[in-house]
PDB file of N, CA and C in Angstrom:
ATOM      1  N   MET A   1     107.780  87.134  23.649  1.00  0.00           N
ATOM      2  CA  MET A   1     108.329  87.429  24.875  1.00  0.00           C
ATOM      3  C   MET A   1     108.866  86.229  25.674  1.00  0.00           C
ATOM      4  N   GLY A   2     110.123  86.266  26.184  1.00  0.00           N
ATOM      5  CA  GLY A   2     110.588  85.159  26.787  1.00  0.00           C
ATOM      6  C   GLY A   2     110.268  85.123  28.292  1.00  0.00           C
ATOM      7  N   ALA A   3     110.705  84.137  28.949  1.00  0.00           N
ATOM      8  CA  ALA A   3     110.480  84.004  30.328  1.00  0.00           C
ATOM      9  C   ALA A   3     111.233  84.857  31.169  1.00  0.00           C
ATOM     10  N   ILE A   4     110.768  85.205  32.376  1.00  0.00           N
ATOM     11  CA  ILE A   4     111.417  86.138  33.279  1.00  0.00           C
ATOM     12  C   ILE A   4     111.544  85.350  34.529  1.00  0.00           C
ATOM     13  N   GLU A   5     112.893  85.313  35.096  1.00  0.00           N
ATOM     14  CA  GLU A   5     113.285  84.719  36.411  1.00  0.00           C
ATOM     15  C   GLU A   5     113.462  85.613  37.430  1.00  0.00           C
ATOM     16  N   ARG A   6     112.717  85.418  38.654  1.00  0.00           N
ATOM     17  CA  ARG A   6     112.929  86.227  39.882  1.00  0.00           C
ATOM     18  C   ARG A   6     112.708  85.472  41.040  1.00  0.00           C
ATOM     19  N   GLU A   7     113.475  85.537  41.929  1.00  0.00           N
ATOM     20  CA  GLU A   7     113.381  84.926  43.331  1.00  0.00           C
ATOM     21  C   GLU A   7     112.961  83.441  43.269  1.00  0.00           C
ATOM     22  N   GLY A   8     113.438  82.766  42.396  1.00  0.00           N
ATOM     23  CA  GLY A   8     113.268  81.347  42.505  1.00  0.00           C
ATOM     24  C   GLY A   8     112.052  80.935  41.673  1.00  0.00           C
ATOM     25  N   TYR A   9     111.268  81.930  41.179  1.00  0.00           N
ATOM     26  CA  TYR A   9     110.012  81.554  40.183  1.00  0.00           C
ATOM     27  C   TYR A   9     110.541  82.078  38.667  1.00  0.00           C
ATOM     28  N   VAL A  10     109.775  81.410  37.894  1.00  0.00           N
ATOM     29  CA  VAL A  10     109.782  81.635  36.390  1.00  0.00           C
ATOM     30  C   VAL A  10     108.488  82.075  35.973  1.00  0.00           C
ATOM     31  N   PHE A  11     108.480  83.125  35.235  1.00  0.00           N
ATOM     32  CA  PHE A  11     107.169  83.710  34.795  1.00  0.00           C
ATOM     33  C   PHE A  11     107.247  83.628  33.320  1.00  0.00           C
ATOM     34  N   HIS A  12     106.220  82.878  32.698  1.00  0.00           N
ATOM     35  CA  HIS A  12     106.152  82.719  31.210  1.00  0.00           C
ATOM     36  C   HIS A  12     105.026  83.582  30.806  1.00  0.00           C
ATOM     37  N   ILE A  13     105.184  84.485  29.845  1.00  0.00           N
ATOM     38  CA  ILE A  13     104.221  85.437  29.506  1.00  0.00           C
ATOM     39  C   ILE A  13     103.465  85.027  28.060  1.00  0.00           C
ATOM     40  N   GLU A  14     102.190  84.970  28.085  1.00  0.00           N
ATOM     41  CA  GLU A  14     101.583  84.935  26.682  1.00  0.00           C
ATOM     42  C   GLU A  14     100.284  85.833  26.585  1.00  0.00           C
ATOM     43  N   PHE A  15      99.929  86.021  25.590  1.00  0.00           N
ATOM     44  CA  PHE A  15      98.721  87.124  25.460  1.00  0.00           C
ATOM     45  C   PHE A  15      98.001  86.780  24.212  1.00  0.00           C
ATOM     46  N   SER A  16      96.772  87.362  24.127  1.00  0.00           N
ATOM     47  CA  SER A  16      95.815  87.140  22.909  1.00  0.00           C
ATOM     48  C   SER A  16      95.472  88.558  22.450  1.00  0.00           C
ATOM     49  N   GLN A  17      95.826  88.770  21.264  1.00  0.00           N
ATOM     50  CA  GLN A  17      95.336  90.122  20.676  1.00  0.00           C
ATOM     51  C   GLN A  17      93.880  90.161  20.334  1.00  0.00           C
ATOM     52  N   ILE A  18      93.395  88.945  20.212  1.00  0.00           N
ATOM     53  CA  ILE A  18      91.867  89.066  19.962  1.00  0.00           C
ATOM     54  C   ILE A  18      91.087  89.348  21.144  1.00  0.00           C
ATOM     55  N   THR A  19      91.339  88.723  22.326  1.00  0.00           N
ATOM     56  CA  THR A  19      90.536  88.911  23.613  1.00  0.00           C
ATOM     57  C   THR A  19      91.167  90.198  24.376  1.00  0.00           C
ATOM     58  N   LYS A  20      92.471  90.601  24.051  1.00  0.00           N
ATOM     59  CA  LYS A  20      93.135  91.628  24.755  1.00  0.00           C
ATOM     60  C   LYS A  20      93.347  91.185  26.195  1.00  0.00           C
ATOM     61  N   THR A  21      93.651  89.885  26.482  1.00  0.00           N
ATOM     62  CA  THR A  21      94.017  89.375  27.755  1.00  0.00           C
ATOM     63  C   THR A  21      95.442  88.695  27.753  1.00  0.00           C
ATOM     64  N   ALA A  22      96.103  88.976  28.848  1.00  0.00           N
ATOM     65  CA  ALA A  22      97.571  88.446  28.976  1.00  0.00           C
ATOM     66  C   ALA A  22      97.394  87.513  30.099  1.00  0.00           C
ATOM     67  N   ALA A  23      98.284  86.515  30.116  1.00  0.00           N
ATOM     68  CA  ALA A  23      98.394  85.515  31.147  1.00  0.00           C
ATOM     69  C   ALA A  23      99.866  85.361  31.386  1.00  0.00           C
ATOM     70  N   ILE A  24     100.307  85.179  32.819  1.00  0.00           N
ATOM     71  CA  ILE A  24     101.590  84.949  33.152  1.00  0.00           C
ATOM     72  C   ILE A  24     101.530  83.696  34.003  1.00  0.00           C
ATOM     73  N   HIS A  25     102.126  82.571  33.384  1.00  0.00           N
ATOM     74  CA  HIS A  25     102.211  81.294  34.195  1.00  0.00           C
ATOM     75  C   HIS A  25     103.505  81.341  35.013  1.00  0.00           C
ATOM     76  N   VAL A  26     103.232  81.048  36.388  1.00  0.00           N
ATOM     77  CA  VAL A  26     104.202  80.963  37.209  1.00  0.00           C
ATOM     78  C   VAL A  26     104.588  79.652  37.620  1.00  0.00           C
ATOM     79  N   THR A  27     106.006  79.407  37.598  1.00  0.00           N
ATOM     80  CA  THR A  27     106.509  78.113  37.840  1.00  0.00           C
ATOM     81  C   THR A  27     107.545  78.299  38.958  1.00  0.00           C
ATOM     82  N   LYS A  28     107.743  77.189  39.725  1.00  0.00           N
ATOM     83  CA  LYS A  28     108.976  77.026  40.558  1.00  0.00           C
ATOM     84  C   LYS A  28     109.499  75.711  40.598  1.00  0.00           C
ATOM     85  N   GLU A  29     110.897  75.736  40.348  1.00  0.00           N
ATOM     86  CA  GLU A  29     111.477  74.386  40.184  1.00  0.00           C
ATOM     87  C   GLU A  29     110.855  73.387  39.196  1.00  0.00           C
ATOM     88  N   GLY A  30     110.109  73.951  38.166  1.00  0.00           N
ATOM     89  CA  GLY A  30     109.659  73.243  37.096  1.00  0.00           C
ATOM     90  C   GLY A  30     108.211  72.925  37.275  1.00  0.00           C
ATOM     91  N   ASP A  31     107.616  73.239  38.519  1.00  0.00           N
ATOM     92  CA  ASP A  31     106.324  72.949  38.860  1.00  0.00           C
ATOM     93  C   ASP A  31     105.397  74.177  38.720  1.00  0.00           C
ATOM     94  N   PHE A  32     104.269  73.869  38.165  1.00  0.00           N
ATOM     95  CA  PHE A  32     103.210  74.932  37.905  1.00  0.00           C
ATOM     96  C   PHE A  32     102.780  75.417  39.286  1.00  0.00           C
ATOM     97  N   VAL A  33     102.768  76.813  39.438  1.00  0.00           N
ATOM     98  CA  VAL A  33     102.339  77.378  40.763  1.00  0.00           C
ATOM     99  C   VAL A  33     100.925  78.040  40.513  1.00  0.00           C
ATOM    100  N   THR A  34     100.737  78.948  39.540  1.00  0.00           N
ATOM    101  CA  THR A  34      99.501  79.692  39.415  1.00  0.00           C
ATOM    102  C   THR A  34      99.525  80.418  38.081  1.00  0.00           C
ATOM    103  N   GLU A  35      98.422  80.943  37.653  1.00  0.00           N
ATOM    104  CA  GLU A  35      98.411  81.759  36.538  1.00  0.00           C
ATOM    105  C   GLU A  35      97.829  83.093  36.890  1.00  0.00           C
ATOM    106  N   LEU A  36      98.425  84.121  36.496  1.00  0.00           N
ATOM    107  CA  LEU A  36      97.911  85.527  36.566  1.00  0.00           C
ATOM    108  C   LEU A  36      97.534  86.097  35.366  1.00  0.00           C
ATOM    109  N   THR A  37      96.227  86.440  35.275  1.00  0.00           N
ATOM    110  CA  THR A  37      95.621  87.063  33.968  1.00  0.00           C
ATOM    111  C   THR A  37      95.362  88.573  34.304  1.00  0.00           C
ATOM    112  N   PHE A  38      95.404  89.319  33.197  1.00  0.00           N
ATOM    113  CA  PHE A  38      94.990  90.667  33.248  1.00  0.00           C
ATOM    114  C   PHE A  38      94.800  91.249  31.762  1.00  0.00           C
ATOM    115  N   PRO A  39      93.822  92.216  31.629  1.00  0.00           N
ATOM    116  CA  PRO A  39      93.542  92.784  30.317  1.00  0.00           C
ATOM    117  C   PRO A  39      94.768  93.729  29.981  1.00  0.00           C
ATOM    118  N   PHE A  40      94.814  94.011  28.690  1.00  0.00           N
ATOM    119  CA  PHE A  40      95.784  95.024  28.192  1.00  0.00           C
ATOM    120  C   PHE A  40      95.129  95.772  27.094  1.00  0.00           C
ATOM    121  N   GLU A  41      95.706  96.957  26.657  1.00  0.00           N
ATOM    122  CA  GLU A  41      95.349  97.600  25.499  1.00  0.00           C
ATOM    123  C   GLU A  41      96.493  97.601  24.494  1.00  0.00           C
ATOM    124  N   GLY A  42      96.237  97.940  23.281  1.00  0.00           N
ATOM    125  CA  GLY A  42      97.165  97.946  22.284  1.00  0.00           C
ATOM    126  C   GLY A  42      97.449  96.656  21.644  1.00  0.00           C
ATOM    127  N   ASN A  43      98.645  96.434  21.076  1.00  0.00           N
ATOM    128  CA  ASN A  43      99.095  95.268  20.474  1.00  0.00           C
ATOM    129  C   ASN A  43      99.456  94.263  21.428  1.00  0.00           C
ATOM    130  N   GLU A  44     100.150  94.584  22.469  1.00  0.00           N
ATOM    131  CA  GLU A  44     100.587  93.691  23.523  1.00  0.00           C
ATOM    132  C   GLU A  44     100.704  94.225  24.794  1.00  0.00           C
ATOM    133  N   PRO A  45     100.724  93.640  25.851  1.00  0.00           N
ATOM    134  CA  PRO A  45     100.904  94.241  27.214  1.00  0.00           C
ATOM    135  C   PRO A  45     102.244  94.833  27.307  1.00  0.00           C
ATOM    136  N   THR A  46     102.439  95.988  28.079  1.00  0.00           N
ATOM    137  CA  THR A  46     103.761  96.592  28.214  1.00  0.00           C
ATOM    138  C   THR A  46     104.507  95.942  29.101  1.00  0.00           C
ATOM    139  N   GLN A  47     105.855  96.173  28.908  1.00  0.00           N
ATOM    140  CA  GLN A  47     106.810  95.359  29.809  1.00  0.00           C
ATOM    141  C   GLN A  47     106.656  96.004  31.254  1.00  0.00           C
ATOM    142  N   GLU A  48     106.205  97.168  31.395  1.00  0.00           N
ATOM    143  CA  GLU A  48     105.815  97.760  32.589  1.00  0.00           C
ATOM    144  C   GLU A  48     104.722  97.226  33.344  1.00  0.00           C
ATOM    145  N   HIS A  49     103.651  96.898  32.664  1.00  0.00           N
ATOM    146  CA  HIS A  49     102.444  96.250  33.202  1.00  0.00           C
ATOM    147  C   HIS A  49     102.824  94.816  33.581  1.00  0.00           C
ATOM    148  N   ILE A  50     103.637  94.188  32.823  1.00  0.00           N
ATOM    149  CA  ILE A  50     104.072  92.782  33.095  1.00  0.00           C
ATOM    150  C   ILE A  50     105.024  92.717  34.437  1.00  0.00           C
ATOM    151  N   ASP A  51     105.994  93.664  34.473  1.00  0.00           N
ATOM    152  CA  ASP A  51     106.797  93.839  35.704  1.00  0.00           C
ATOM    153  C   ASP A  51     106.031  94.095  36.873  1.00  0.00           C
ATOM    154  N   ASN A  52     104.938  94.964  36.745  1.00  0.00           N
ATOM    155  CA  ASN A  52     104.013  95.399  37.969  1.00  0.00           C
ATOM    156  C   ASN A  52     103.407  94.238  38.416  1.00  0.00           C
ATOM    157  N   LYS A  53     102.865  93.354  37.571  1.00  0.00           N
ATOM    158  CA  LYS A  53     102.074  92.146  38.026  1.00  0.00           C
ATOM    159  C   LYS A  53     102.985  91.133  38.661  1.00  0.00           C
ATOM    160  N   ILE A  54     104.186  91.083  38.160  1.00  0.00           N
ATOM    161  CA  ILE A  54     105.163  90.190  38.772  1.00  0.00           C
ATOM    162  C   ILE A  54     105.572  90.706  40.169  1.00  0.00           C
ATOM    163  N   GLU A  55     105.727  92.016  40.237  1.00  0.00           N
ATOM    164  CA  GLU A  55     106.132  92.588  41.584  1.00  0.00           C
ATOM    165  C   GLU A  55     105.078  92.232  42.544  1.00  0.00           C
ATOM    166  N   ASP A  56     103.848  92.577  42.070  1.00  0.00           N
ATOM    167  CA  ASP A  56     102.552  92.420  42.955  1.00  0.00           C
ATOM    168  C   ASP A  56     102.660  90.893  43.469  1.00  0.00           C
ATOM    169  N   TYR A  57     102.822  89.996  42.625  1.00  0.00           N
ATOM    170  CA  TYR A  57     102.801  88.595  43.027  1.00  0.00           C
ATOM    171  C   TYR A  57     103.881  88.299  44.024  1.00  0.00           C
ATOM    172  N   LEU A  58     105.088  88.766  43.759  1.00  0.00           N
ATOM    173  CA  LEU A  58     106.147  88.523  44.632  1.00  0.00           C
ATOM    174  C   LEU A  58     105.961  89.148  46.050  1.00  0.00           C
ATOM    175  N   ASN A  59     105.453  90.396  46.108  1.00  0.00           N
ATOM    176  CA  ASN A  59     105.272  91.111  47.403  1.00  0.00           C
ATOM    177  C   ASN A  59     104.076  90.482  48.098  1.00  0.00           C
ATOM    178  N   LEU A  60     103.046  89.827  47.400  1.00  0.00           N
ATOM    179  CA  LEU A  60     102.061  89.124  48.138  1.00  0.00           C
ATOM    180  C   LEU A  60     102.543  87.926  48.797  1.00  0.00           C
ATOM    181  N   ASN A  61     103.504  87.165  48.007  1.00  0.00           N
ATOM    182  CA  ASN A  61     104.029  86.010  48.593  1.00  0.00           C
ATOM    183  C   ASN A  61     104.900  86.152  49.604  1.00  0.00           C
ATOM    184  N   MET A  62     105.623  87.330  49.763  1.00  0.00           N
ATOM    185  CA  MET A  62     106.618  87.648  50.883  1.00  0.00           C
ATOM    186  C   MET A  62     105.841  87.969  52.016  1.00  0.00           C
ATOM    187  N   LYS A  63     104.575  88.524  52.023  1.00  0.00           N
ATOM    188  CA  LYS A  63     103.826  88.807  53.166  1.00  0.00           C
ATOM    189  C   LYS A  63     103.236  87.661  53.885  1.00  0.00           C
ATOM    190  N   GLU A  64     102.975  86.590  52.992  1.00  0.00           N
ATOM    191  CA  GLU A  64     102.550  85.154  53.581  1.00  0.00           C
ATOM    192  C   GLU A  64     103.568  84.457  54.568  1.00  0.00           C
ATOM    193  N   TRP A  65     104.827  84.941  54.361  1.00  0.00           N
ATOM    194  CA  TRP A  65     105.864  84.284  55.208  1.00  0.00           C
ATOM    195  C   TRP A  65     105.767  84.731  56.622  1.00  0.00           C
TER     196      TRP A  65
END
């Protein structure tokens, strides 16, 4: 899975099939911001699940402004 760019952030996705855990590493202007982790089922997290986690993160950050 490649990186996803939205609203100035870059989201790098990785996952483990052994632990069934996914991580989204969030960077902005090349600097690490945070890591979002979540469990998944099947062989890999679905694109919908990834998109929802990214949208949740972006919506949370917009509320802080």
